């Protein structure tokens, strides 16, 4: 089975959304649907999900200059899901491993 949740997105903006609106962001598989994402989060973190917003991010164009010439390519496309949890639910992303 392919993994749906790849990694949490931890930025300054997402930290503010966690504190004020109880929203968390995850980088997810590009072919995952909102229902798949909701089921994966509820199963993994044992929380109640109210809503999900998804964003498809197109990969940037990158070029590199070397002795042999110029190489061009693209970064991979990504998909991000912003998940709103119910008022009594919370995800602890920085769990103590001790």
N, C-alpha and C. Protein backbone atom coordinates (compact mmCIF):
# COMPACT_ATOMS: atom_id res chain seq x y z
N UNK A 1 0.84 -1.18 0.00
CA UNK A 1 0.00 0.00 0.00
C UNK A 1 0.88 1.24 0.00
N UNK A 2 0.53 2.20 -0.81
CA UNK A 2 1.30 3.43 -0.91
C UNK A 2 0.97 4.34 0.26
N UNK A 3 1.98 5.02 0.79
CA UNK A 3 1.74 5.91 1.92
C UNK A 3 1.05 7.17 1.44
N UNK A 4 0.09 7.64 2.20
CA UNK A 4 -0.66 8.84 1.85
C UNK A 4 0.00 10.05 2.48
N UNK A 5 0.30 9.98 3.78
CA UNK A 5 0.95 11.09 4.47
C UNK A 5 2.46 10.96 4.31
N UNK A 6 3.09 11.99 3.76
CA UNK A 6 4.54 11.94 3.55
C UNK A 6 5.26 12.58 4.73
N UNK A 7 4.93 13.83 5.04
CA UNK A 7 5.56 14.51 6.17
C UNK A 7 4.72 15.71 6.57
N UNK A 8 4.82 16.15 7.83
CA UNK A 8 4.13 17.39 8.23
C UNK A 8 4.88 18.62 7.72
N UNK A 9 4.14 19.66 7.45
CA UNK A 9 4.73 20.92 7.01
C UNK A 9 4.81 21.83 8.23
N UNK A 10 6.03 22.18 8.62
CA UNK A 10 6.23 23.00 9.81
C UNK A 10 6.88 24.31 9.38
N UNK A 11 6.08 25.36 9.30
CA UNK A 11 6.56 26.68 8.96
C UNK A 11 6.01 27.67 9.98
N UNK A 12 6.47 28.90 9.89
CA UNK A 12 5.99 29.92 10.81
C UNK A 12 4.49 30.17 10.63
N UNK A 13 4.05 30.20 9.39
CA UNK A 13 2.64 30.42 9.09
C UNK A 13 1.77 29.28 9.62
N UNK A 14 2.23 28.03 9.45
CA UNK A 14 1.45 26.90 9.91
C UNK A 14 1.42 26.82 11.44
N UNK A 15 2.49 27.27 12.09
CA UNK A 15 2.49 27.31 13.56
C UNK A 15 1.43 28.27 14.07
N UNK A 16 1.28 29.42 13.42
CA UNK A 16 0.24 30.37 13.79
C UNK A 16 -1.15 29.79 13.55
N UNK A 17 -1.35 29.08 12.45
CA UNK A 17 -2.65 28.46 12.18
C UNK A 17 -2.96 27.35 13.18
N UNK A 18 -1.93 26.63 13.65
CA UNK A 18 -2.16 25.59 14.66
C UNK A 18 -2.67 26.20 15.94
N UNK A 19 -2.08 27.32 16.35
CA UNK A 19 -2.46 27.94 17.61
C UNK A 19 -3.82 28.63 17.53
N UNK A 20 -4.11 29.29 16.41
CA UNK A 20 -5.33 30.08 16.34
C UNK A 20 -6.54 29.31 15.80
N UNK A 21 -6.37 28.47 14.77
CA UNK A 21 -7.50 27.81 14.12
C UNK A 21 -7.49 26.29 14.21
N UNK A 22 -6.53 25.71 14.91
CA UNK A 22 -6.42 24.26 15.06
C UNK A 22 -6.30 23.58 13.70
N UNK A 23 -5.43 24.14 12.83
CA UNK A 23 -5.20 23.60 11.50
C UNK A 23 -3.76 23.10 11.38
N UNK A 24 -3.59 21.97 10.68
CA UNK A 24 -2.29 21.36 10.48
C UNK A 24 -2.10 21.09 9.00
N UNK A 25 -0.85 21.17 8.54
CA UNK A 25 -0.56 20.93 7.12
C UNK A 25 0.34 19.70 6.98
N UNK A 26 0.07 18.93 5.95
CA UNK A 26 0.84 17.73 5.66
C UNK A 26 1.14 17.69 4.17
N UNK A 27 2.34 17.21 3.83
CA UNK A 27 2.63 16.92 2.44
C UNK A 27 2.11 15.52 2.19
N UNK A 28 1.29 15.37 1.15
CA UNK A 28 0.62 14.10 0.90
C UNK A 28 0.97 13.59 -0.49
N UNK A 29 0.59 12.38 -0.76
CA UNK A 29 0.81 11.77 -2.07
C UNK A 29 0.00 12.54 -3.12
N UNK A 30 0.57 12.80 -4.30
CA UNK A 30 -0.15 13.60 -5.32
C UNK A 30 -1.45 12.98 -5.81
N UNK A 31 -1.59 11.66 -5.71
CA UNK A 31 -2.83 11.04 -6.17
C UNK A 31 -3.82 10.74 -5.05
N UNK A 32 -3.57 11.25 -3.84
CA UNK A 32 -4.46 11.03 -2.71
C UNK A 32 -5.67 11.95 -2.78
N UNK A 33 -6.85 11.43 -2.45
CA UNK A 33 -8.06 12.22 -2.42
C UNK A 33 -8.30 12.75 -1.00
N UNK A 34 -9.26 13.66 -0.86
CA UNK A 34 -9.55 14.22 0.46
C UNK A 34 -10.06 13.14 1.41
N UNK A 35 -10.81 12.20 0.91
CA UNK A 35 -11.33 11.11 1.74
C UNK A 35 -10.18 10.22 2.22
N UNK A 36 -9.23 9.92 1.33
CA UNK A 36 -8.06 9.13 1.72
C UNK A 36 -7.25 9.84 2.80
N UNK A 37 -7.05 11.15 2.63
CA UNK A 37 -6.28 11.94 3.58
C UNK A 37 -6.98 11.97 4.93
N UNK A 38 -8.29 12.18 4.92
CA UNK A 38 -9.06 12.23 6.16
C UNK A 38 -8.97 10.90 6.92
N UNK A 39 -9.14 9.79 6.22
CA UNK A 39 -9.06 8.47 6.87
C UNK A 39 -7.66 8.20 7.42
N UNK A 40 -6.62 8.60 6.67
CA UNK A 40 -5.25 8.36 7.13
C UNK A 40 -4.93 9.16 8.39
N UNK A 41 -5.36 10.41 8.44
CA UNK A 41 -5.08 11.25 9.61
C UNK A 41 -5.87 10.77 10.82
N UNK A 42 -7.13 10.42 10.62
CA UNK A 42 -7.92 9.94 11.75
C UNK A 42 -7.38 8.62 12.30
N UNK A 43 -6.88 7.78 11.42
CA UNK A 43 -6.34 6.49 11.86
C UNK A 43 -4.99 6.65 12.56
N UNK A 44 -4.11 7.50 12.00
CA UNK A 44 -2.76 7.64 12.55
C UNK A 44 -2.73 8.41 13.86
N UNK A 45 -3.47 9.53 13.93
CA UNK A 45 -3.38 10.40 15.11
C UNK A 45 -4.57 10.28 16.06
N UNK A 46 -5.59 9.50 15.70
CA UNK A 46 -6.77 9.30 16.54
C UNK A 46 -7.44 10.62 16.90
N UNK A 47 -7.76 11.41 15.88
CA UNK A 47 -8.41 12.71 16.04
C UNK A 47 -9.62 12.77 15.12
N UNK A 48 -10.46 13.82 15.31
CA UNK A 48 -11.64 14.02 14.46
C UNK A 48 -11.36 15.17 13.51
N UNK A 49 -11.45 14.91 12.20
CA UNK A 49 -11.18 15.90 11.16
C UNK A 49 -12.48 16.55 10.74
N UNK A 50 -12.50 17.91 10.72
CA UNK A 50 -13.69 18.63 10.28
C UNK A 50 -13.66 18.92 8.79
N UNK A 51 -12.53 19.46 8.28
CA UNK A 51 -12.46 19.78 6.86
C UNK A 51 -11.02 19.66 6.37
N UNK A 52 -10.89 19.56 5.05
CA UNK A 52 -9.58 19.44 4.41
C UNK A 52 -9.55 20.33 3.19
N UNK A 53 -8.44 21.07 3.04
CA UNK A 53 -8.18 21.84 1.82
C UNK A 53 -6.89 21.30 1.22
N UNK A 54 -6.86 21.15 -0.09
CA UNK A 54 -5.67 20.63 -0.75
C UNK A 54 -5.13 21.67 -1.73
N UNK A 55 -3.80 21.65 -1.89
CA UNK A 55 -3.10 22.56 -2.79
C UNK A 55 -2.13 21.73 -3.62
N UNK A 56 -2.20 21.87 -4.94
CA UNK A 56 -1.22 21.23 -5.83
C UNK A 56 -0.14 22.25 -6.16
N UNK A 57 1.11 21.93 -5.83
CA UNK A 57 2.22 22.83 -6.06
C UNK A 57 3.04 22.31 -7.23
N UNK A 58 3.20 23.14 -8.25
CA UNK A 58 3.95 22.74 -9.43
C UNK A 58 5.44 22.87 -9.14
N UNK A 59 6.23 21.93 -9.65
CA UNK A 59 7.68 21.94 -9.43
C UNK A 59 8.34 23.11 -10.15
N UNK A 60 9.32 23.71 -9.49
CA UNK A 60 10.04 24.84 -10.08
C UNK A 60 11.03 24.37 -11.14
N UNK A 61 11.30 25.23 -12.09
CA UNK A 61 12.30 24.95 -13.12
C UNK A 61 13.67 25.31 -12.56
N UNK A 62 14.61 24.40 -12.69
CA UNK A 62 15.96 24.63 -12.17
C UNK A 62 16.97 24.41 -13.28
N UNK A 63 18.06 25.21 -13.25
CA UNK A 63 19.13 25.01 -14.22
C UNK A 63 20.46 25.06 -13.48
N UNK A 64 21.45 24.36 -14.04
CA UNK A 64 22.76 24.26 -13.43
C UNK A 64 23.81 24.43 -14.53
N UNK A 65 24.77 25.29 -14.28
CA UNK A 65 25.84 25.53 -15.23
C UNK A 65 27.08 24.74 -14.80
N UNK A 66 27.63 23.94 -15.70
CA UNK A 66 28.81 23.15 -15.42
C UNK A 66 29.81 23.33 -16.56
N UNK A 67 30.94 22.66 -16.47
CA UNK A 67 31.94 22.72 -17.54
C UNK A 67 31.41 22.15 -18.85
N UNK A 68 30.55 21.17 -18.73
CA UNK A 68 30.02 20.50 -19.92
C UNK A 68 28.83 21.23 -20.52
N UNK A 69 28.37 22.29 -19.89
CA UNK A 69 27.24 23.03 -20.43
C UNK A 69 26.16 23.22 -19.39
N UNK A 70 25.00 23.52 -19.87
CA UNK A 70 23.87 23.83 -19.01
C UNK A 70 22.91 22.64 -18.93
N UNK A 71 22.52 22.30 -17.70
CA UNK A 71 21.56 21.23 -17.48
C UNK A 71 20.29 21.87 -16.93
N UNK A 72 19.16 21.48 -17.49
CA UNK A 72 17.88 22.00 -17.00
C UNK A 72 17.01 20.85 -16.56
N UNK A 73 16.19 21.15 -15.58
CA UNK A 73 15.27 20.15 -15.07
C UNK A 73 14.21 20.81 -14.21
N UNK A 74 13.39 19.99 -13.59
CA UNK A 74 12.31 20.48 -12.75
C UNK A 74 12.36 19.76 -11.41
N UNK A 75 11.96 20.48 -10.37
CA UNK A 75 11.73 19.83 -9.09
C UNK A 75 10.41 19.07 -9.20
N UNK A 76 10.20 18.07 -8.36
CA UNK A 76 8.96 17.30 -8.48
C UNK A 76 7.73 18.10 -8.04
N UNK A 77 6.57 17.76 -8.62
CA UNK A 77 5.31 18.35 -8.20
C UNK A 77 4.95 17.79 -6.82
N UNK A 78 4.28 18.63 -6.02
CA UNK A 78 3.91 18.22 -4.67
C UNK A 78 2.44 18.53 -4.42
N UNK A 79 1.89 17.90 -3.40
CA UNK A 79 0.53 18.17 -2.98
C UNK A 79 0.53 18.37 -1.47
N UNK A 80 -0.16 19.40 -1.03
CA UNK A 80 -0.21 19.74 0.40
C UNK A 80 -1.66 19.76 0.85
N UNK A 81 -1.92 19.23 2.04
CA UNK A 81 -3.27 19.21 2.61
C UNK A 81 -3.27 19.99 3.91
N UNK A 82 -4.21 20.94 4.02
CA UNK A 82 -4.39 21.70 5.26
C UNK A 82 -5.64 21.15 5.94
N UNK A 83 -5.45 20.59 7.13
CA UNK A 83 -6.49 19.86 7.82
C UNK A 83 -6.97 20.66 9.01
N UNK A 84 -8.29 20.86 9.11
CA UNK A 84 -8.89 21.51 10.27
C UNK A 84 -9.46 20.44 11.18
N UNK A 85 -9.05 20.47 12.44
CA UNK A 85 -9.52 19.48 13.41
C UNK A 85 -10.66 20.07 14.25
N UNK A 86 -11.41 19.19 14.92
CA UNK A 86 -12.46 19.65 15.82
C UNK A 86 -11.83 20.33 17.03
N UNK A 87 -12.65 21.05 17.78
CA UNK A 87 -12.15 21.86 18.90
C UNK A 87 -11.42 21.04 19.96
N UNK A 88 -11.89 19.82 20.22
CA UNK A 88 -11.29 19.01 21.29
C UNK A 88 -10.14 18.12 20.82
N UNK A 89 -9.82 18.15 19.52
CA UNK A 89 -8.74 17.32 18.99
C UNK A 89 -7.46 18.13 18.84
N UNK A 90 -6.33 17.44 18.99
CA UNK A 90 -5.03 18.08 18.84
C UNK A 90 -4.00 17.04 18.43
N UNK A 91 -3.04 17.46 17.58
CA UNK A 91 -1.96 16.57 17.14
C UNK A 91 -0.66 17.10 17.74
N UNK A 92 0.09 16.21 18.40
CA UNK A 92 1.37 16.58 18.95
C UNK A 92 2.46 16.13 17.96
N UNK A 93 2.95 17.08 17.16
CA UNK A 93 3.95 16.74 16.15
C UNK A 93 5.33 16.53 16.75
N UNK A 94 5.61 17.14 17.90
CA UNK A 94 6.92 17.02 18.55
C UNK A 94 6.77 16.16 19.79
N UNK A 95 6.59 14.88 19.59
CA UNK A 95 6.42 13.96 20.72
C UNK A 95 7.77 13.69 21.35
N UNK A 96 7.77 13.55 22.66
CA UNK A 96 9.02 13.22 23.37
C UNK A 96 9.35 11.76 23.12
N UNK A 97 10.55 11.50 22.63
CA UNK A 97 10.94 10.14 22.28
C UNK A 97 11.68 9.43 23.43
N UNK A 98 11.74 10.03 24.59
CA UNK A 98 12.47 9.45 25.71
C UNK A 98 11.63 8.46 26.48
